[in-house]
Amino acid sequence: MIVLGLKPDVIYIDEEYSGEDLVKFQKIAPTIYIDMNSGTWRDHLKRIAANVGREKEADAFIQDYEAKAEQMSSLITAKLGADAKVMAIRMTAKELRVMGTKRPLGPIMFKDLKLKMADGVEKIPADEPYQVISKEVLPDFNADAIFVIISKGKEAKGSFEELEKNPVWQNLKAVKNNHVYLLDGQKWLDYSSIGQSMALDDAKQLFSK
């Protein structure tokens, strides 16, 4: 087991996904379970910080994050307009998804960055991170800007390239006004303190052009 070779003093693990390996980890080192489905990334960071005596550093990180999020919110609003409504989509090999308000994407986009939801995004169930749609309903969202995440792999990339050729896509308001933004999915979908901060850096790069 790779973890055994690392000789850790403590192991932090997601209880849900560790499954039967929990006992194995407990034999290697003291194991602290974190329920990633409970609380926010801020809560997770604070819990880990409390266990290693780094509470002040965690608080400072969160404060810096909040300040950066405020700056990025202003930057994006200046680019799109105060009344702009946005949506985020993810193209996989077989599905076109509209991301909702649930994490990983919802909290940073609609809470931290304070962006307004396109029509219908609020109807996606709060306990679902996304809703699978057909391209034909994209105009119903009436989005002023569209954020796009393309899953890894040639099939997903090819599916999005086909979408770009479709008249439904080409006639969208956001597309016509050049307000389509390709996001780094690895950063935006990583619901962690580092991932969220890196997502803000990605936003800065996109909207500072």
C-alpha atoms as a PDB file:
ATOM      1  CA  MET A   1       0.000   0.000   0.000  1.00  0.00           C
ATOM      2  CA  ILE A   2       1.441   3.385  -1.066  1.00  0.00           C
ATOM      3  CA  VAL A   3       0.154   5.164   2.058  1.00  0.00           C
ATOM      4  CA  LEU A   4       2.046   2.735   4.284  1.00  0.00           C
ATOM      5  CA  GLY A   5       5.308   3.588   2.545  1.00  0.00           C
ATOM      6  CA  LEU A   6       4.763   7.289   3.198  1.00  0.00           C
ATOM      7  CA  LYS A   7       4.704   6.667   6.970  1.00  0.00           C
ATOM      8  CA  PRO A   8       2.162   9.410   7.781  1.00  0.00           C
ATOM      9  CA  ASP A   9       1.647  10.716  11.303  1.00  0.00           C
ATOM     10  CA  VAL A  10      -2.060  11.219  10.611  1.00  0.00           C
ATOM     11  CA  ILE A  11      -4.423  10.424   7.751  1.00  0.00           C
ATOM     12  CA  TYR A  12      -7.345  12.600   6.634  1.00  0.00           C
ATOM     13  CA  ILE A  13      -9.913  10.737   4.611  1.00  0.00           C
ATOM     14  CA  ASP A  14     -13.405  11.041   3.191  1.00  0.00           C
ATOM     15  CA  GLU A  15     -15.383   8.441   5.092  1.00  0.00           C
ATOM     16  CA  GLU A  16     -17.900   7.794   2.313  1.00  0.00           C
ATOM     17  CA  TYR A  17     -15.347   6.980  -0.372  1.00  0.00           C
ATOM     18  CA  SER A  18     -12.858   5.133   1.809  1.00  0.00           C
ATOM     19  CA  GLY A  19     -15.255   2.199   2.152  1.00  0.00           C
ATOM     20  CA  GLU A  20     -13.656  -1.014   3.346  1.00  0.00           C
ATOM     21  CA  ASP A  21     -10.214   0.598   3.378  1.00  0.00           C
ATOM     22  CA  LEU A  22     -11.034   2.475   6.605  1.00  0.00           C
ATOM     23  CA  VAL A  23      -9.667  -0.306   8.783  1.00  0.00           C
ATOM     24  CA  LYS A  24      -6.476  -0.473   6.717  1.00  0.00           C
ATOM     25  CA  PHE A  25      -5.830   3.233   7.185  1.00  0.00           C
ATOM     26  CA  GLN A  26      -6.511   3.034  10.912  1.00  0.00           C
ATOM     27  CA  LYS A  27      -3.760   0.429  11.234  1.00  0.00           C
ATOM     28  CA  ILE A  28      -1.243   2.753   9.552  1.00  0.00           C
ATOM     29  CA  ALA A  29      -1.831   5.968  11.538  1.00  0.00           C
ATOM     30  CA  PRO A  30      -4.496   7.879  13.468  1.00  0.00           C
ATOM     31  CA  THR A  31      -7.250   8.515  10.946  1.00  0.00           C
ATOM     32  CA  ILE A  32      -9.554  11.525  10.892  1.00  0.00           C
ATOM     33  CA  TYR A  33     -12.702  11.200   8.853  1.00  0.00           C
ATOM     34  CA  ILE A  34     -14.186  14.165   7.043  1.00  0.00           C
ATOM     35  CA  ASP A  35     -17.675  13.991   5.602  1.00  0.00           C
ATOM     36  CA  MET A  36     -17.241  15.978   2.400  1.00  0.00           C
ATOM     37  CA  ASN A  37     -21.013  16.094   1.949  1.00  0.00           C
ATOM     38  CA  SER A  38     -21.466  17.894   5.245  1.00  0.00           C
ATOM     39  CA  GLY A  39     -20.556  21.561   5.588  1.00  0.00           C
ATOM     40  CA  THR A  40     -18.513  23.694   3.214  1.00  0.00           C
ATOM     41  CA  TRP A  41     -14.883  23.644   2.144  1.00  0.00           C
ATOM     42  CA  ARG A  42     -14.352  26.337   4.771  1.00  0.00           C
ATOM     43  CA  ASP A  43     -15.625  23.953   7.438  1.00  0.00           C
ATOM     44  CA  HIS A  44     -13.352  21.189   6.167  1.00  0.00           C
ATOM     45  CA  LEU A  45     -10.334  23.505   6.197  1.00  0.00           C
ATOM     46  CA  LYS A  46     -11.076  24.689   9.727  1.00  0.00           C
ATOM     47  CA  ARG A  47     -11.431  21.143  11.009  1.00  0.00           C
ATOM     48  CA  ILE A  48      -8.083  20.094   9.585  1.00  0.00           C
ATOM     49  CA  ALA A  49      -6.479  23.302  10.857  1.00  0.00           C
ATOM     50  CA  ALA A  50      -7.805  22.651  14.366  1.00  0.00           C
ATOM     51  CA  ASN A  51      -6.196  19.211  14.351  1.00  0.00           C
ATOM     52  CA  VAL A  52      -2.780  20.558  13.411  1.00  0.00           C
ATOM     53  CA  GLY A  53      -2.874  23.777  15.415  1.00  0.00           C
ATOM     54  CA  ARG A  54      -3.075  26.083  12.385  1.00  0.00           C
ATOM     55  CA  GLU A  55      -6.369  27.849  13.059  1.00  0.00           C
ATOM     56  CA  LYS A  56      -4.944  31.327  12.480  1.00  0.00           C
ATOM     57  CA  GLU A  57      -3.526  30.312   9.109  1.00  0.00           C
ATOM     58  CA  ALA A  58      -6.874  28.834   8.076  1.00  0.00           C
ATOM     59  CA  ASP A  59      -8.721  32.000   9.092  1.00  0.00           C
ATOM     60  CA  ALA A  60      -6.211  34.104   7.166  1.00  0.00           C
ATOM     61  CA  PHE A  61      -6.639  31.921   4.067  1.00  0.00           C
ATOM     62  CA  ILE A  62     -10.407  32.299   4.204  1.00  0.00           C
ATOM     63  CA  GLN A  63     -10.148  36.067   4.650  1.00  0.00           C
ATOM     64  CA  ASP A  64      -7.804  36.326   1.681  1.00  0.00           C
ATOM     65  CA  TYR A  65     -10.157  34.171  -0.351  1.00  0.00           C
ATOM     66  CA  GLU A  66     -13.158  36.343   0.469  1.00  0.00           C
ATOM     67  CA  ALA A  67     -11.238  39.468  -0.543  1.00  0.00           C
ATOM     68  CA  LYS A  68     -10.137  37.873  -3.813  1.00  0.00           C
ATOM     69  CA  ALA A  69     -13.681  36.696  -4.537  1.00  0.00           C
ATOM     70  CA  GLU A  70     -14.955  40.243  -4.024  1.00  0.00           C
ATOM     71  CA  GLN A  71     -12.352  41.572  -6.449  1.00  0.00           C
ATOM     72  CA  MET A  72     -13.213  38.941  -9.051  1.00  0.00           C
ATOM     73  CA  SER A  73     -16.923  39.634  -8.643  1.00  0.00           C
ATOM     74  CA  SER A  74     -16.324  43.299  -9.423  1.00  0.00           C
ATOM     75  CA  LEU A  75     -14.070  42.427 -12.366  1.00  0.00           C
ATOM     76  CA  ILE A  76     -16.632  40.068 -13.918  1.00  0.00           C
ATOM     77  CA  THR A  77     -19.519  42.474 -13.313  1.00  0.00           C
ATOM     78  CA  ALA A  78     -17.582  45.261 -14.989  1.00  0.00           C
ATOM     79  CA  LYS A  79     -17.075  43.034 -18.025  1.00  0.00           C
ATOM     80  CA  LEU A  80     -20.584  41.604 -18.284  1.00  0.00           C
ATOM     81  CA  GLY A  81     -22.725  44.318 -16.739  1.00  0.00           C
ATOM     82  CA  ALA A  82     -24.473  44.496 -13.380  1.00  0.00           C
ATOM     83  CA  ASP A  83     -27.675  42.886 -14.660  1.00  0.00           C
ATOM     84  CA  ALA A  84     -26.038  40.076 -16.635  1.00  0.00           C
ATOM     85  CA  LYS A  85     -27.386  36.583 -16.027  1.00  0.00           C
ATOM     86  CA  VAL A  86     -25.059  33.627 -16.397  1.00  0.00           C
ATOM     87  CA  MET A  87     -25.144  29.873 -16.645  1.00  0.00           C
ATOM     88  CA  ALA A  88     -22.495  27.196 -16.510  1.00  0.00           C
ATOM     89  CA  ILE A  89     -22.586  24.096 -18.670  1.00  0.00           C
ATOM     90  CA  ARG A  90     -20.472  20.975 -18.700  1.00  0.00           C
ATOM     91  CA  MET A  91     -20.016  18.887 -21.805  1.00  0.00           C
ATOM     92  CA  THR A  92     -19.239  15.227 -21.233  1.00  0.00           C
ATOM     93  CA  ALA A  93     -18.831  12.509 -23.819  1.00  0.00           C
ATOM     94  CA  LYS A  94     -22.570  11.812 -23.813  1.00  0.00           C
ATOM     95  CA  GLU A  95     -24.317  14.611 -21.905  1.00  0.00           C
ATOM     96  CA  LEU A  96     -24.855  18.340 -21.894  1.00  0.00           C
ATOM     97  CA  ARG A  97     -25.294  19.469 -18.312  1.00  0.00           C
ATOM     98  CA  VAL A  98     -26.434  22.746 -16.810  1.00  0.00           C
ATOM     99  CA  MET A  99     -24.800  23.261 -13.441  1.00  0.00           C
ATOM    100  CA  GLY A 100     -27.078  24.200 -10.556  1.00  0.00           C
ATOM    101  CA  THR A 101     -26.605  25.927  -7.225  1.00  0.00           C
ATOM    102  CA  LYS A 102     -25.150  22.895  -5.467  1.00  0.00           C
ATOM    103  CA  ARG A 103     -21.406  22.412  -5.184  1.00  0.00           C
ATOM    104  CA  PRO A 104     -18.936  22.126  -6.680  1.00  0.00           C
ATOM    105  CA  LEU A 105     -19.760  24.990  -9.050  1.00  0.00           C
ATOM    106  CA  GLY A 106     -22.864  26.640  -7.631  1.00  0.00           C
ATOM    107  CA  PRO A 107     -21.453  28.120  -4.407  1.00  0.00           C
ATOM    108  CA  ILE A 108     -18.451  29.837  -5.974  1.00  0.00           C
ATOM    109  CA  MET A 109     -20.393  31.137  -8.954  1.00  0.00           C
ATOM    110  CA  PHE A 110     -23.613  32.325  -7.375  1.00  0.00           C
ATOM    111  CA  LYS A 111     -22.531  33.056  -3.798  1.00  0.00           C
ATOM    112  CA  ASP A 112     -18.843  33.929  -3.737  1.00  0.00           C
ATOM    113  CA  LEU A 113     -18.819  35.729  -7.100  1.00  0.00           C
ATOM    114  CA  LYS A 114     -22.408  36.959  -6.653  1.00  0.00           C
ATOM    115  CA  LEU A 115     -23.340  36.283 -10.276  1.00  0.00           C
ATOM    116  CA  LYS A 116     -26.993  36.275 -11.271  1.00  0.00           C
ATOM    117  CA  MET A 117     -28.507  33.009 -12.444  1.00  0.00           C
ATOM    118  CA  ALA A 118     -29.838  32.622 -15.952  1.00  0.00           C
ATOM    119  CA  ASP A 119     -33.548  31.860 -16.256  1.00  0.00           C
ATOM    120  CA  GLY A 120     -34.341  28.394 -14.990  1.00  0.00           C
ATOM    121  CA  VAL A 121     -31.103  27.638 -13.170  1.00  0.00           C
ATOM    122  CA  GLU A 122     -32.881  28.161  -9.868  1.00  0.00           C
ATOM    123  CA  LYS A 123     -35.314  25.390 -10.820  1.00  0.00           C
ATOM    124  CA  ILE A 124     -32.603  22.744 -10.766  1.00  0.00           C
ATOM    125  CA  PRO A 125     -33.156  20.770  -7.520  1.00  0.00           C
ATOM    126  CA  ALA A 126     -30.971  22.107  -4.719  1.00  0.00           C
ATOM    127  CA  ASP A 127     -29.714  18.616  -3.932  1.00  0.00           C
ATOM    128  CA  GLU A 128     -28.566  18.011  -7.525  1.00  0.00           C
ATOM    129  CA  PRO A 129     -25.292  19.502  -8.838  1.00  0.00           C
ATOM    130  CA  TYR A 130     -26.562  19.603 -12.413  1.00  0.00           C
ATOM    131  CA  GLN A 131     -29.382  18.827 -14.810  1.00  0.00           C
ATOM    132  CA  VAL A 132     -28.970  17.032 -18.113  1.00  0.00           C
ATOM    133  CA  ILE A 133     -30.549  18.977 -20.977  1.00  0.00           C
ATOM    134  CA  SER A 134     -30.816  18.874 -24.751  1.00  0.00           C
ATOM    135  CA  LYS A 135     -29.197  21.636 -26.790  1.00  0.00           C
ATOM    136  CA  GLU A 136     -32.623  22.713 -28.007  1.00  0.00           C
ATOM    137  CA  VAL A 137     -33.532  24.186 -24.609  1.00  0.00           C
ATOM    138  CA  LEU A 138     -30.382  26.311 -24.263  1.00  0.00           C
ATOM    139  CA  PRO A 139     -32.178  29.450 -25.561  1.00  0.00           C
ATOM    140  CA  ASP A 140     -34.743  29.124 -22.751  1.00  0.00           C
ATOM    141  CA  PHE A 141     -32.088  30.093 -20.217  1.00  0.00           C
ATOM    142  CA  ASN A 142     -31.586  33.449 -21.964  1.00  0.00           C
ATOM    143  CA  ALA A 143     -28.053  33.712 -20.566  1.00  0.00           C
ATOM    144  CA  ASP A 144     -25.954  36.808 -21.132  1.00  0.00           C
ATOM    145  CA  ALA A 145     -22.808  34.772 -20.505  1.00  0.00           C
ATOM    146  CA  ILE A 146     -22.061  31.067 -20.564  1.00  0.00           C
ATOM    147  CA  PHE A 147     -19.254  29.372 -18.663  1.00  0.00           C
ATOM    148  CA  VAL A 148     -18.157  26.094 -20.225  1.00  0.00           C
ATOM    149  CA  ILE A 149     -16.377  23.083 -18.772  1.00  0.00           C
ATOM    150  CA  ILE A 150     -15.400  20.296 -21.141  1.00  0.00           C
ATOM    151  CA  SER A 151     -14.731  16.919 -19.573  1.00  0.00           C
ATOM    152  CA  LYS A 152     -11.441  15.223 -20.347  1.00  0.00           C
ATOM    153  CA  GLY A 153     -11.216  13.027 -23.415  1.00  0.00           C
ATOM    154  CA  LYS A 154     -11.597  13.319 -27.154  1.00  0.00           C
ATOM    155  CA  GLU A 155     -15.282  12.413 -27.109  1.00  0.00           C
ATOM    156  CA  ALA A 156     -16.279  15.289 -24.836  1.00  0.00           C
ATOM    157  CA  LYS A 157     -14.174  17.727 -26.825  1.00  0.00           C
ATOM    158  CA  GLY A 158     -15.710  16.458 -30.060  1.00  0.00           C
ATOM    159  CA  SER A 159     -19.218  16.793 -28.636  1.00  0.00           C
ATOM    160  CA  PHE A 160     -18.619  20.424 -27.769  1.00  0.00           C
ATOM    161  CA  GLU A 161     -17.127  21.155 -31.169  1.00  0.00           C
ATOM    162  CA  GLU A 162     -20.291  19.738 -32.728  1.00  0.00           C
ATOM    163  CA  LEU A 163     -22.393  21.931 -30.444  1.00  0.00           C
ATOM    164  CA  GLU A 164     -20.464  25.002 -31.566  1.00  0.00           C
ATOM    165  CA  LYS A 165     -21.427  24.248 -35.164  1.00  0.00           C
ATOM    166  CA  ASN A 166     -25.108  23.968 -34.352  1.00  0.00           C
ATOM    167  CA  PRO A 167     -27.389  26.926 -35.234  1.00  0.00           C
ATOM    168  CA  VAL A 168     -29.030  26.678 -31.805  1.00  0.00           C
ATOM    169  CA  TRP A 169     -25.681  27.450 -30.176  1.00  0.00           C
ATOM    170  CA  GLN A 170     -24.622  30.030 -32.720  1.00  0.00           C
ATOM    171  CA  ASN A 171     -27.818  32.018 -32.189  1.00  0.00           C
ATOM    172  CA  LEU A 172     -27.498  32.245 -28.432  1.00  0.00           C
ATOM    173  CA  LYS A 173     -27.167  35.787 -27.102  1.00  0.00           C
ATOM    174  CA  ALA A 174     -24.025  34.935 -25.121  1.00  0.00           C
ATOM    175  CA  VAL A 175     -22.381  33.419 -28.187  1.00  0.00           C
ATOM    176  CA  LYS A 176     -23.227  36.338 -30.449  1.00  0.00           C
ATOM    177  CA  ASN A 177     -21.817  38.794 -27.904  1.00  0.00           C
ATOM    178  CA  ASN A 178     -18.628  36.776 -27.348  1.00  0.00           C
ATOM    179  CA  HIS A 179     -19.440  36.059 -23.737  1.00  0.00           C
ATOM    180  CA  VAL A 180     -18.579  32.372 -23.687  1.00  0.00           C
ATOM    181  CA  TYR A 181     -15.804  31.478 -21.244  1.00  0.00           C
ATOM    182  CA  LEU A 182     -13.986  28.156 -21.123  1.00  0.00           C
ATOM    183  CA  LEU A 183     -13.178  27.195 -17.541  1.00  0.00           C
ATOM    184  CA  ASP A 184     -10.437  24.946 -16.242  1.00  0.00           C
ATOM    185  CA  GLY A 185     -12.591  22.107 -14.941  1.00  0.00           C
ATOM    186  CA  GLN A 186      -9.881  20.676 -12.711  1.00  0.00           C
ATOM    187  CA  LYS A 187      -9.924  23.900 -10.692  1.00  0.00           C
ATOM    188  CA  TRP A 188     -13.616  24.769 -10.743  1.00  0.00           C
ATOM    189  CA  LEU A 189     -14.830  21.263  -9.957  1.00  0.00           C
ATOM    190  CA  ASP A 190     -12.344  20.661  -7.144  1.00  0.00           C
ATOM    191  CA  TYR A 191     -14.389  21.622  -4.117  1.00  0.00           C
ATOM    192  CA  SER A 192     -11.512  22.374  -1.753  1.00  0.00           C
ATOM    193  CA  SER A 193      -9.819  25.451  -0.339  1.00  0.00           C
ATOM    194  CA  ILE A 194      -7.003  25.299  -2.889  1.00  0.00           C
ATOM    195  CA  GLY A 195      -9.316  24.392  -5.752  1.00  0.00           C
ATOM    196  CA  GLN A 196     -11.670  27.294  -5.104  1.00  0.00           C
ATOM    197  CA  SER A 197      -8.779  29.749  -4.846  1.00  0.00           C
ATOM    198  CA  MET A 198      -7.322  28.454  -8.102  1.00  0.00           C
ATOM    199  CA  ALA A 199     -10.722  28.859  -9.752  1.00  0.00           C
ATOM    200  CA  LEU A 200     -10.689  32.541  -8.818  1.00  0.00           C
ATOM    201  CA  ASP A 201      -7.234  32.831 -10.367  1.00  0.00           C
ATOM    202  CA  ASP A 202      -8.636  31.230 -13.507  1.00  0.00           C
ATOM    203  CA  ALA A 203     -11.445  33.797 -13.545  1.00  0.00           C
ATOM    204  CA  LYS A 204      -8.947  36.620 -13.205  1.00  0.00           C
ATOM    205  CA  GLN A 205      -7.014  35.359 -16.195  1.00  0.00           C
ATOM    206  CA  LEU A 206     -10.187  35.089 -18.280  1.00  0.00           C
ATOM    207  CA  PHE A 207     -11.627  38.490 -17.434  1.00  0.00           C
ATOM    208  CA  SER A 208      -8.426  40.494 -17.398  1.00  0.00           C
ATOM    209  CA  LYS A 209      -7.903  40.038 -21.125  1.00  0.00           C
END
